[in-house]
Amino acid sequence: MPVLKDHPFLNMRFFGGMILLLLFLQACNWNVDKTKLAKTKIKFIDSFRHYFPIPQGKKLTASYRFVNTGQHPLSIIDVQTSCGCALAEFSDRLIQPEGEGTIVVEYNSNKNLGFTEIYTTVIANTEPESMHTLVFDVHVVPDALYVKDYEEVFYKEEKKKKGGVKELVDGDETQQGYYTDSSFARQFD
């Protein structure tokens, strides 16, 4: 009886699978320990910003550009925001010297009102310090142009009491409405 492990087809599948696995691991940078990379320098463009007021409930997106001004590849290791209302997105790829990248911070003003300041800490393989701070502030204001009308304010209460929106608009159908202007009433005599 022939031995299956000596079959040429099985050997090709084994070696092909191993090559694909090695290519996958190489593409994911799993073999690079980013904390042990050579130190480099980073320059942020506009790291401190003041934004115009936004209405409560709106989102604000702050996109910070940076440049690797050093001689070695730059790696953003981690980005942390000071508030749960802000989320940071960044690429984990290596930035070559003179290369650029972005860190995007999305702020949701749904639960805030008034002056808000968001700090974002960036950890990278940089010198003389590995931690950098990005800051923006914004005034979150209530939407002054939005005024609730009668139906919005009393809709739920009136619906519970009388049973529907039709009565809010048309009135009670068992009662006849009238006008107090005598000239209008005289047209129908």
N, C-alpha and C. Protein backbone atom coordinates (compact mmCIF):
# COMPACT_ATOMS: atom_id res chain seq x y z
N MET A 1 0.84 -1.17 0.00
CA MET A 1 0.00 0.00 0.00
C MET A 1 0.90 1.25 0.00
N PRO A 2 0.62 2.26 -0.89
CA PRO A 2 1.50 3.43 -0.99
C PRO A 2 1.30 4.36 0.22
N VAL A 3 2.36 5.07 0.57
CA VAL A 3 2.34 6.03 1.68
C VAL A 3 1.85 7.37 1.13
N LEU A 4 0.85 7.98 1.79
CA LEU A 4 0.25 9.22 1.29
C LEU A 4 1.18 10.43 1.44
N LYS A 5 2.03 10.44 2.43
CA LYS A 5 2.85 11.62 2.64
C LYS A 5 3.91 11.79 1.55
N ASP A 6 4.21 10.76 0.78
CA ASP A 6 5.18 10.86 -0.31
C ASP A 6 4.53 11.25 -1.63
N HIS A 7 3.24 11.45 -1.62
CA HIS A 7 2.53 11.80 -2.85
C HIS A 7 2.93 13.22 -3.26
N PRO A 8 3.30 13.45 -4.55
CA PRO A 8 3.77 14.78 -4.99
C PRO A 8 2.70 15.87 -4.84
N PHE A 9 1.44 15.54 -5.04
CA PHE A 9 0.37 16.53 -4.93
C PHE A 9 0.26 17.07 -3.51
N LEU A 10 0.38 16.20 -2.52
CA LEU A 10 0.29 16.63 -1.12
C LEU A 10 1.48 17.49 -0.73
N ASN A 11 2.66 17.21 -1.24
CA ASN A 11 3.84 18.03 -0.94
C ASN A 11 3.70 19.43 -1.51
N MET A 12 3.14 19.55 -2.72
CA MET A 12 2.94 20.87 -3.33
C MET A 12 1.92 21.68 -2.54
N ARG A 13 0.86 21.05 -2.06
CA ARG A 13 -0.15 21.77 -1.27
C ARG A 13 0.45 22.24 0.06
N PHE A 14 1.27 21.39 0.66
CA PHE A 14 1.90 21.75 1.93
C PHE A 14 2.82 22.96 1.75
N PHE A 15 3.70 22.90 0.76
CA PHE A 15 4.63 24.00 0.53
C PHE A 15 3.91 25.27 0.08
N GLY A 16 2.89 25.14 -0.72
CA GLY A 16 2.10 26.30 -1.16
C GLY A 16 1.41 26.96 0.03
N GLY A 17 0.86 26.15 0.92
CA GLY A 17 0.21 26.69 2.12
C GLY A 17 1.19 27.41 3.03
N MET A 18 2.40 26.84 3.17
CA MET A 18 3.42 27.47 4.00
C MET A 18 3.86 28.81 3.41
N ILE A 19 4.00 28.87 2.10
CA ILE A 19 4.41 30.12 1.45
C ILE A 19 3.33 31.19 1.64
N LEU A 20 2.07 30.80 1.48
CA LEU A 20 0.97 31.76 1.69
C LEU A 20 0.93 32.24 3.14
N LEU A 21 1.18 31.36 4.08
CA LEU A 21 1.19 31.74 5.48
C LEU A 21 2.32 32.73 5.77
N LEU A 22 3.49 32.49 5.24
CA LEU A 22 4.62 33.40 5.45
C LEU A 22 4.36 34.76 4.81
N LEU A 23 3.76 34.79 3.63
CA LEU A 23 3.42 36.06 2.98
C LEU A 23 2.39 36.83 3.80
N PHE A 24 1.43 36.12 4.34
CA PHE A 24 0.40 36.75 5.18
C PHE A 24 1.03 37.36 6.43
N LEU A 25 1.90 36.63 7.09
CA LEU A 25 2.55 37.14 8.30
C LEU A 25 3.45 38.34 7.99
N GLN A 26 4.12 38.32 6.84
CA GLN A 26 4.97 39.43 6.44
C GLN A 26 4.12 40.67 6.15
N ALA A 27 2.99 40.50 5.50
CA ALA A 27 2.13 41.63 5.14
C ALA A 27 1.50 42.26 6.37
N CYS A 28 1.27 41.52 7.41
CA CYS A 28 0.63 42.04 8.62
C CYS A 28 1.61 42.71 9.57
N ASN A 29 2.88 42.72 9.25
CA ASN A 29 3.92 43.29 10.13
C ASN A 29 3.94 42.63 11.49
N TRP A 30 3.60 41.38 11.58
CA TRP A 30 3.62 40.67 12.85
C TRP A 30 5.04 40.43 13.33
N ASN A 31 5.97 40.51 12.42
CA ASN A 31 7.35 40.26 12.82
C ASN A 31 8.06 41.53 13.28
N VAL A 32 7.38 42.68 13.34
CA VAL A 32 7.98 43.95 13.73
C VAL A 32 7.47 44.32 15.12
N ASP A 33 8.40 44.49 16.06
CA ASP A 33 8.06 44.98 17.38
C ASP A 33 8.20 46.50 17.34
N LYS A 34 7.07 47.20 17.27
CA LYS A 34 7.08 48.64 17.05
C LYS A 34 7.69 49.42 18.21
N THR A 35 7.68 48.84 19.40
CA THR A 35 8.27 49.55 20.54
C THR A 35 9.79 49.53 20.50
N LYS A 36 10.38 48.65 19.69
CA LYS A 36 11.84 48.56 19.61
C LYS A 36 12.40 49.16 18.33
N LEU A 37 11.58 49.89 17.59
CA LEU A 37 12.06 50.55 16.37
C LEU A 37 13.00 51.69 16.75
N ALA A 38 13.87 52.04 15.82
CA ALA A 38 14.79 53.17 16.04
C ALA A 38 13.97 54.45 16.22
N LYS A 39 14.46 55.34 17.07
CA LYS A 39 13.75 56.59 17.36
C LYS A 39 13.83 57.53 16.17
N THR A 40 12.74 58.27 15.97
CA THR A 40 12.67 59.23 14.88
C THR A 40 11.98 60.49 15.39
N LYS A 41 11.66 61.41 14.51
CA LYS A 41 11.02 62.67 14.91
C LYS A 41 9.71 62.84 14.16
N ILE A 42 8.78 63.56 14.80
CA ILE A 42 7.47 63.78 14.22
C ILE A 42 7.12 65.26 14.34
N LYS A 43 6.41 65.77 13.34
CA LYS A 43 5.93 67.15 13.38
C LYS A 43 4.45 67.14 13.05
N PHE A 44 3.62 67.65 13.99
CA PHE A 44 2.18 67.77 13.76
C PHE A 44 1.87 69.14 13.19
N ILE A 45 0.95 69.17 12.25
CA ILE A 45 0.48 70.43 11.69
C ILE A 45 -0.79 70.81 12.45
N ASP A 46 -0.78 71.95 13.12
CA ASP A 46 -1.93 72.45 13.90
C ASP A 46 -2.34 71.46 14.99
N SER A 47 -1.52 71.31 15.99
CA SER A 47 -1.83 70.36 17.06
C SER A 47 -2.76 70.95 18.12
N PHE A 48 -3.00 72.26 18.11
CA PHE A 48 -3.93 72.89 19.04
C PHE A 48 -4.92 73.71 18.22
N ARG A 49 -6.21 73.41 18.37
CA ARG A 49 -7.24 74.04 17.53
C ARG A 49 -8.41 74.53 18.35
N HIS A 50 -9.05 75.60 17.83
CA HIS A 50 -10.30 76.12 18.39
C HIS A 50 -11.34 76.02 17.28
N TYR A 51 -12.41 75.28 17.54
CA TYR A 51 -13.46 75.13 16.53
C TYR A 51 -14.62 76.07 16.83
N PHE A 52 -15.34 76.44 15.77
CA PHE A 52 -16.53 77.26 15.92
C PHE A 52 -17.60 76.46 16.65
N PRO A 53 -18.53 77.13 17.32
CA PRO A 53 -19.59 76.42 18.06
C PRO A 53 -20.39 75.48 17.16
N ILE A 54 -20.82 74.37 17.75
CA ILE A 54 -21.65 73.40 17.04
C ILE A 54 -22.89 73.14 17.88
N PRO A 55 -24.02 72.80 17.24
CA PRO A 55 -25.22 72.45 18.00
C PRO A 55 -25.06 71.10 18.70
N GLN A 56 -25.69 70.97 19.84
CA GLN A 56 -25.64 69.73 20.60
C GLN A 56 -26.21 68.60 19.74
N GLY A 57 -25.54 67.45 19.77
CA GLY A 57 -25.97 66.29 19.00
C GLY A 57 -25.23 66.13 17.68
N LYS A 58 -24.49 67.13 17.26
CA LYS A 58 -23.73 67.05 16.00
C LYS A 58 -22.36 66.44 16.25
N LYS A 59 -21.76 65.92 15.20
CA LYS A 59 -20.42 65.35 15.29
C LYS A 59 -19.41 66.30 14.68
N LEU A 60 -18.22 66.30 15.25
CA LEU A 60 -17.13 67.13 14.77
C LEU A 60 -15.96 66.20 14.47
N THR A 61 -15.37 66.34 13.29
CA THR A 61 -14.24 65.51 12.91
C THR A 61 -12.99 66.37 12.81
N ALA A 62 -12.00 66.04 13.63
CA ALA A 62 -10.72 66.74 13.61
C ALA A 62 -9.69 65.80 12.99
N SER A 63 -9.09 66.22 11.90
CA SER A 63 -8.10 65.41 11.20
C SER A 63 -6.73 66.08 11.36
N TYR A 64 -5.84 65.42 12.07
CA TYR A 64 -4.51 65.95 12.34
C TYR A 64 -3.50 65.31 11.39
N ARG A 65 -2.82 66.14 10.62
CA ARG A 65 -1.76 65.66 9.73
C ARG A 65 -0.43 65.73 10.44
N PHE A 66 0.43 64.77 10.14
CA PHE A 66 1.78 64.79 10.71
C PHE A 66 2.77 64.34 9.65
N VAL A 67 4.04 64.69 9.90
CA VAL A 67 5.14 64.37 8.98
C VAL A 67 6.25 63.70 9.78
N ASN A 68 6.81 62.64 9.22
CA ASN A 68 7.99 62.00 9.81
C ASN A 68 9.20 62.82 9.38
N THR A 69 9.74 63.61 10.32
CA THR A 69 10.89 64.47 10.01
C THR A 69 12.22 63.83 10.39
N GLY A 70 12.18 62.60 10.86
CA GLY A 70 13.41 61.91 11.27
C GLY A 70 14.02 61.09 10.16
N GLN A 71 14.99 60.25 10.54
CA GLN A 71 15.75 59.43 9.60
C GLN A 71 15.28 57.98 9.54
N HIS A 72 14.37 57.58 10.44
CA HIS A 72 13.92 56.20 10.53
C HIS A 72 12.40 56.11 10.36
N PRO A 73 11.88 54.91 10.07
CA PRO A 73 10.42 54.77 9.94
C PRO A 73 9.70 55.13 11.24
N LEU A 74 8.55 55.77 11.08
CA LEU A 74 7.73 56.21 12.21
C LEU A 74 6.56 55.25 12.40
N SER A 75 6.30 54.90 13.64
CA SER A 75 5.18 54.03 13.95
C SER A 75 4.32 54.69 15.03
N ILE A 76 3.03 54.83 14.75
CA ILE A 76 2.09 55.30 15.77
C ILE A 76 1.69 54.04 16.55
N ILE A 77 2.08 53.97 17.79
CA ILE A 77 1.84 52.78 18.60
C ILE A 77 0.43 52.77 19.18
N ASP A 78 -0.01 53.94 19.69
CA ASP A 78 -1.35 54.01 20.28
C ASP A 78 -1.83 55.45 20.26
N VAL A 79 -3.16 55.63 20.24
CA VAL A 79 -3.79 56.94 20.32
C VAL A 79 -4.93 56.82 21.32
N GLN A 80 -4.93 57.71 22.33
CA GLN A 80 -5.95 57.67 23.38
C GLN A 80 -6.58 59.04 23.52
N THR A 81 -7.92 59.07 23.60
CA THR A 81 -8.63 60.33 23.79
C THR A 81 -8.99 60.51 25.26
N SER A 82 -9.21 61.75 25.67
CA SER A 82 -9.49 62.05 27.07
C SER A 82 -10.96 61.85 27.43
N CYS A 83 -11.80 61.57 26.45
CA CYS A 83 -13.23 61.45 26.70
C CYS A 83 -13.80 60.30 25.89
N GLY A 84 -14.79 59.63 26.46
CA GLY A 84 -15.45 58.55 25.72
C GLY A 84 -16.30 59.08 24.58
N CYS A 85 -16.51 60.40 24.53
CA CYS A 85 -17.29 61.01 23.47
C CYS A 85 -16.46 61.22 22.20
N ALA A 86 -15.17 60.89 22.25
CA ALA A 86 -14.28 61.06 21.10
C ALA A 86 -13.61 59.74 20.77
N LEU A 87 -13.59 59.40 19.50
CA LEU A 87 -12.95 58.18 19.03
C LEU A 87 -11.84 58.54 18.05
N ALA A 88 -10.70 57.87 18.16
CA ALA A 88 -9.56 58.15 17.30
C ALA A 88 -9.32 57.00 16.34
N GLU A 89 -9.02 57.35 15.09
CA GLU A 89 -8.66 56.37 14.07
C GLU A 89 -7.27 56.72 13.55
N PHE A 90 -6.43 55.70 13.39
CA PHE A 90 -5.09 55.91 12.87
C PHE A 90 -4.62 54.65 12.18
N SER A 91 -3.67 54.81 11.30
CA SER A 91 -3.12 53.68 10.57
C SER A 91 -1.95 53.09 11.36
N ASP A 92 -1.86 51.77 11.37
CA ASP A 92 -0.74 51.14 12.08
C ASP A 92 0.43 50.83 11.14
N ARG A 93 0.38 51.34 9.93
CA ARG A 93 1.48 51.11 9.00
C ARG A 93 2.66 52.02 9.34
N LEU A 94 3.83 51.63 8.92
CA LEU A 94 5.03 52.43 9.17
C LEU A 94 5.07 53.60 8.18
N ILE A 95 5.44 54.77 8.70
CA ILE A 95 5.56 55.98 7.88
C ILE A 95 7.06 56.19 7.63
N GLN A 96 7.45 56.17 6.38
CA GLN A 96 8.85 56.33 6.01
C GLN A 96 9.30 57.78 6.22
N PRO A 97 10.61 58.05 6.30
CA PRO A 97 11.09 59.42 6.45
C PRO A 97 10.53 60.34 5.36
N GLU A 98 10.14 61.54 5.77
CA GLU A 98 9.49 62.54 4.91
C GLU A 98 8.07 62.14 4.50
N GLY A 99 7.59 61.02 5.00
CA GLY A 99 6.22 60.59 4.70
C GLY A 99 5.22 61.27 5.63
N GLU A 100 3.95 61.27 5.19
CA GLU A 100 2.88 61.91 5.96
C GLU A 100 1.83 60.90 6.37
N GLY A 101 1.10 61.24 7.41
CA GLY A 101 -0.01 60.42 7.87
C GLY A 101 -1.05 61.29 8.54
N THR A 102 -2.16 60.70 8.93
CA THR A 102 -3.22 61.44 9.60
C THR A 102 -3.77 60.65 10.78
N ILE A 103 -4.21 61.38 11.76
CA ILE A 103 -4.96 60.83 12.89
C ILE A 103 -6.29 61.55 12.90
N VAL A 104 -7.38 60.81 12.86
CA VAL A 104 -8.71 61.40 12.80
C VAL A 104 -9.41 61.17 14.13
N VAL A 105 -9.87 62.26 14.74
CA VAL A 105 -10.60 62.20 16.00
C VAL A 105 -12.03 62.65 15.72
N GLU A 106 -12.99 61.77 15.99
CA GLU A 106 -14.40 62.10 15.78
C GLU A 106 -15.06 62.33 17.14
N TYR A 107 -15.59 63.54 17.31
CA TYR A 107 -16.20 63.95 18.58
C TYR A 107 -17.71 63.97 18.41
N ASN A 108 -18.42 63.34 19.34
CA ASN A 108 -19.88 63.32 19.34
C ASN A 108 -20.37 64.19 20.49
N SER A 109 -21.05 65.28 20.18
CA SER A 109 -21.47 66.25 21.19
C SER A 109 -22.83 65.94 21.79
N ASN A 110 -23.31 64.75 21.62
CA ASN A 110 -24.66 64.39 22.05
C ASN A 110 -24.88 64.61 23.55
N LYS A 111 -23.91 64.29 24.38
CA LYS A 111 -24.10 64.37 25.83
C LYS A 111 -23.41 65.58 26.46
N ASN A 112 -22.87 66.48 25.67
CA ASN A 112 -22.15 67.63 26.21
C ASN A 112 -22.88 68.92 25.86
N LEU A 113 -22.68 69.92 26.71
CA LEU A 113 -23.22 71.25 26.47
C LEU A 113 -22.26 72.24 27.10
N GLY A 114 -21.93 73.30 26.38
CA GLY A 114 -20.98 74.29 26.88
C GLY A 114 -19.60 74.09 26.31
N PHE A 115 -18.60 74.67 26.99
CA PHE A 115 -17.22 74.60 26.53
C PHE A 115 -16.66 73.20 26.78
N THR A 116 -16.09 72.61 25.74
CA THR A 116 -15.52 71.26 25.84
C THR A 116 -14.12 71.28 25.25
N GLU A 117 -13.20 70.63 25.95
CA GLU A 117 -11.82 70.53 25.48
C GLU A 117 -11.45 69.05 25.43
N ILE A 118 -11.00 68.60 24.28
CA ILE A 118 -10.65 67.19 24.08
C ILE A 118 -9.14 67.09 23.88
N TYR A 119 -8.51 66.26 24.71
CA TYR A 119 -7.08 65.98 24.61
C TYR A 119 -6.91 64.59 24.00
N THR A 120 -6.00 64.48 23.06
CA THR A 120 -5.68 63.20 22.44
C THR A 120 -4.19 62.95 22.61
N THR A 121 -3.85 61.83 23.21
CA THR A 121 -2.44 61.47 23.44
C THR A 121 -2.00 60.48 22.38
N VAL A 122 -0.91 60.82 21.71
CA VAL A 122 -0.35 59.98 20.65
C VAL A 122 0.97 59.40 21.17
N ILE A 123 1.09 58.08 21.11
CA ILE A 123 2.31 57.39 21.53
C ILE A 123 2.99 56.85 20.27
N ALA A 124 4.26 57.22 20.08
CA ALA A 124 4.99 56.82 18.87
C ALA A 124 6.46 56.56 19.22
N ASN A 125 7.19 56.03 18.26
CA ASN A 125 8.62 55.76 18.45
C ASN A 125 9.42 57.02 18.10
N THR A 126 9.24 58.05 18.92
CA THR A 126 9.86 59.34 18.64
C THR A 126 10.78 59.77 19.77
N GLU A 127 11.65 60.71 19.46
CA GLU A 127 12.52 61.30 20.46
C GLU A 127 12.38 62.81 20.40
N PRO A 128 12.59 63.56 21.41
CA PRO A 128 13.04 63.18 22.74
C PRO A 128 11.93 62.58 23.60
N GLU A 129 10.68 62.77 23.22
CA GLU A 129 9.58 62.17 23.97
C GLU A 129 8.76 61.27 23.05
N SER A 130 8.17 60.24 23.65
CA SER A 130 7.36 59.32 22.85
C SER A 130 5.87 59.64 22.91
N MET A 131 5.48 60.60 23.78
CA MET A 131 4.07 60.97 23.90
C MET A 131 3.87 62.41 23.41
N HIS A 132 2.81 62.59 22.60
CA HIS A 132 2.48 63.90 22.04
C HIS A 132 1.01 64.16 22.32
N THR A 133 0.65 65.43 22.52
CA THR A 133 -0.72 65.78 22.86
C THR A 133 -1.32 66.65 21.76
N LEU A 134 -2.49 66.24 21.32
CA LEU A 134 -3.28 67.02 20.36
C LEU A 134 -4.51 67.54 21.12
N VAL A 135 -4.85 68.82 20.92
CA VAL A 135 -5.94 69.42 21.68
C VAL A 135 -6.85 70.18 20.73
N PHE A 136 -8.16 70.06 20.97
CA PHE A 136 -9.11 70.97 20.34
C PHE A 136 -10.20 71.30 21.33
N ASP A 137 -10.74 72.51 21.16
CA ASP A 137 -11.85 72.91 22.01
C ASP A 137 -12.99 73.41 21.13
N VAL A 138 -14.20 73.33 21.68
CA VAL A 138 -15.40 73.72 20.95
C VAL A 138 -16.48 74.07 21.97
N HIS A 139 -17.32 75.01 21.60
CA HIS A 139 -18.50 75.32 22.41
C HIS A 139 -19.67 74.55 21.82
N VAL A 140 -20.32 73.76 22.65
CA VAL A 140 -21.51 73.01 22.23
C VAL A 140 -22.71 73.80 22.71
N VAL A 141 -23.55 74.22 21.78
CA VAL A 141 -24.68 75.07 22.10
C VAL A 141 -25.99 74.36 21.77
N PRO A 142 -27.06 74.70 22.50
CA PRO A 142 -28.36 74.14 22.10
C PRO A 142 -28.79 74.78 20.78
N ASP A 143 -29.54 74.08 20.00
CA ASP A 143 -29.98 74.59 18.71
C ASP A 143 -31.07 75.64 18.95
N ALA A 144 -30.72 76.90 18.84
CA ALA A 144 -31.65 77.99 19.14
C ALA A 144 -32.74 78.14 18.08
N LEU A 145 -32.52 77.63 16.91
CA LEU A 145 -33.52 77.77 15.85
C LEU A 145 -34.63 76.75 15.96
N TYR A 146 -34.47 75.78 16.81
CA TYR A 146 -35.47 74.73 16.93
C TYR A 146 -36.38 75.02 18.12
N VAL A 147 -37.62 75.32 17.83
CA VAL A 147 -38.61 75.60 18.88
C VAL A 147 -39.72 74.56 18.73
N LYS A 148 -40.05 73.89 19.81
CA LYS A 148 -41.10 72.87 19.76
C LYS A 148 -42.45 73.55 19.56
N ASP A 149 -43.27 72.97 18.72
CA ASP A 149 -44.60 73.52 18.52
C ASP A 149 -45.62 72.78 19.40
N TYR A 150 -46.85 73.21 19.30
CA TYR A 150 -47.90 72.71 20.17
C TYR A 150 -48.03 71.19 20.11
N GLU A 151 -48.02 70.64 18.90
CA GLU A 151 -48.21 69.20 18.76
C GLU A 151 -47.10 68.40 19.43
N GLU A 152 -45.86 68.89 19.34
CA GLU A 152 -44.75 68.17 19.97
C GLU A 152 -44.81 68.22 21.49
N VAL A 153 -45.21 69.37 22.03
CA VAL A 153 -45.23 69.53 23.48
C VAL A 153 -46.34 68.71 24.11
N PHE A 154 -47.54 68.77 23.52
CA PHE A 154 -48.71 68.17 24.16
C PHE A 154 -49.20 66.89 23.50
N TYR A 155 -48.51 66.41 22.51
CA TYR A 155 -48.96 65.25 21.76
C TYR A 155 -49.19 64.03 22.66
N LYS A 156 -48.20 63.67 23.44
CA LYS A 156 -48.32 62.47 24.27
C LYS A 156 -49.41 62.60 25.32
N GLU A 157 -49.48 63.75 26.00
CA GLU A 157 -50.50 63.93 27.04
C GLU A 157 -51.90 63.92 26.47
N GLU A 158 -52.11 64.64 25.37
CA GLU A 158 -53.45 64.71 24.78
C GLU A 158 -53.86 63.37 24.18
N LYS A 159 -52.90 62.65 23.65
CA LYS A 159 -53.21 61.35 23.08
C LYS A 159 -53.69 60.41 24.17
N LYS A 160 -53.07 60.47 25.34
CA LYS A 160 -53.48 59.63 26.46
C LYS A 160 -54.86 60.04 26.96
N LYS A 161 -55.12 61.34 27.04
CA LYS A 161 -56.38 61.85 27.59
C LYS A 161 -57.57 61.59 26.67
N LYS A 162 -57.43 61.99 25.39
CA LYS A 162 -58.59 62.00 24.51
C LYS A 162 -58.52 61.00 23.37
N GLY A 163 -57.39 60.41 23.19
CA GLY A 163 -57.33 59.33 22.22
C GLY A 163 -56.93 59.65 20.82
N GLY A 164 -56.20 60.70 20.56
CA GLY A 164 -55.72 60.86 19.20
C GLY A 164 -55.31 62.26 18.82
N VAL A 165 -54.60 62.36 17.71
CA VAL A 165 -54.13 63.63 17.19
C VAL A 165 -55.26 64.37 16.49
N LYS A 166 -56.24 63.66 15.98
CA LYS A 166 -57.34 64.30 15.25
C LYS A 166 -58.02 65.34 16.12
N GLU A 167 -58.20 65.07 17.39
CA GLU A 167 -58.83 66.04 18.28
C GLU A 167 -57.96 67.25 18.51
N LEU A 168 -56.63 67.10 18.46
CA LEU A 168 -55.75 68.25 18.61
C LEU A 168 -55.92 69.22 17.46
N VAL A 169 -56.16 68.72 16.28
CA VAL A 169 -56.26 69.55 15.08
C VAL A 169 -57.69 70.00 14.83
N ASP A 170 -58.66 69.08 14.83
CA ASP A 170 -60.03 69.38 14.43
C ASP A 170 -60.96 69.70 15.60
N GLY A 171 -60.59 69.35 16.79
CA GLY A 171 -61.48 69.54 17.93
C GLY A 171 -62.40 68.35 18.09
N ASP A 172 -63.25 68.43 19.06
CA ASP A 172 -64.20 67.36 19.36
C ASP A 172 -65.32 67.39 18.33
N GLU A 173 -65.58 66.29 17.67
CA GLU A 173 -66.57 66.24 16.60
C GLU A 173 -68.01 66.39 17.09
N THR A 174 -68.28 66.18 18.40
CA THR A 174 -69.65 66.32 18.92
C THR A 174 -70.01 67.77 19.19
N GLN A 175 -69.08 68.66 19.19
CA GLN A 175 -69.33 70.08 19.43
C GLN A 175 -69.13 70.84 18.13
N GLN A 176 -69.99 71.79 17.85
CA GLN A 176 -69.87 72.61 16.65
C GLN A 176 -69.12 73.88 16.99
N GLY A 177 -68.06 74.16 16.21
CA GLY A 177 -67.30 75.37 16.42
C GLY A 177 -68.01 76.56 15.77
N TYR A 178 -67.64 77.78 16.12
CA TYR A 178 -68.25 78.97 15.54
C TYR A 178 -67.24 80.10 15.51
N TYR A 179 -67.55 81.12 14.71
CA TYR A 179 -66.73 82.32 14.61
C TYR A 179 -67.41 83.45 15.36
N THR A 180 -66.64 84.37 15.89
CA THR A 180 -67.21 85.52 16.58
C THR A 180 -67.34 86.72 15.66
N ASP A 181 -66.76 86.63 14.49
CA ASP A 181 -66.85 87.74 13.54
C ASP A 181 -68.24 87.70 12.90
N SER A 182 -69.06 88.71 13.13
CA SER A 182 -70.43 88.70 12.67
C SER A 182 -70.54 88.82 11.16
N SER A 183 -69.59 89.46 10.49
CA SER A 183 -69.67 89.61 9.04
C SER A 183 -69.53 88.25 8.35
N PHE A 184 -68.69 87.38 8.91
CA PHE A 184 -68.51 86.06 8.32
C PHE A 184 -69.78 85.22 8.53
N ALA A 185 -70.40 85.29 9.67
CA ALA A 185 -71.60 84.51 9.97
C ALA A 185 -72.78 84.98 9.14
N ARG A 186 -72.87 86.23 8.81
CA ARG A 186 -74.01 86.79 8.07
C ARG A 186 -74.02 86.31 6.61
N GLN A 187 -72.88 85.85 6.08
CA GLN A 187 -72.84 85.38 4.70
C GLN A 187 -73.74 84.16 4.50
N PHE A 188 -73.98 83.42 5.55
CA PHE A 188 -74.72 82.16 5.42
C PHE A 188 -76.21 82.33 5.73
N ASP A 189 -76.68 83.51 6.06
CA ASP A 189 -78.11 83.74 6.35
C ASP A 189 -78.93 83.77 5.10
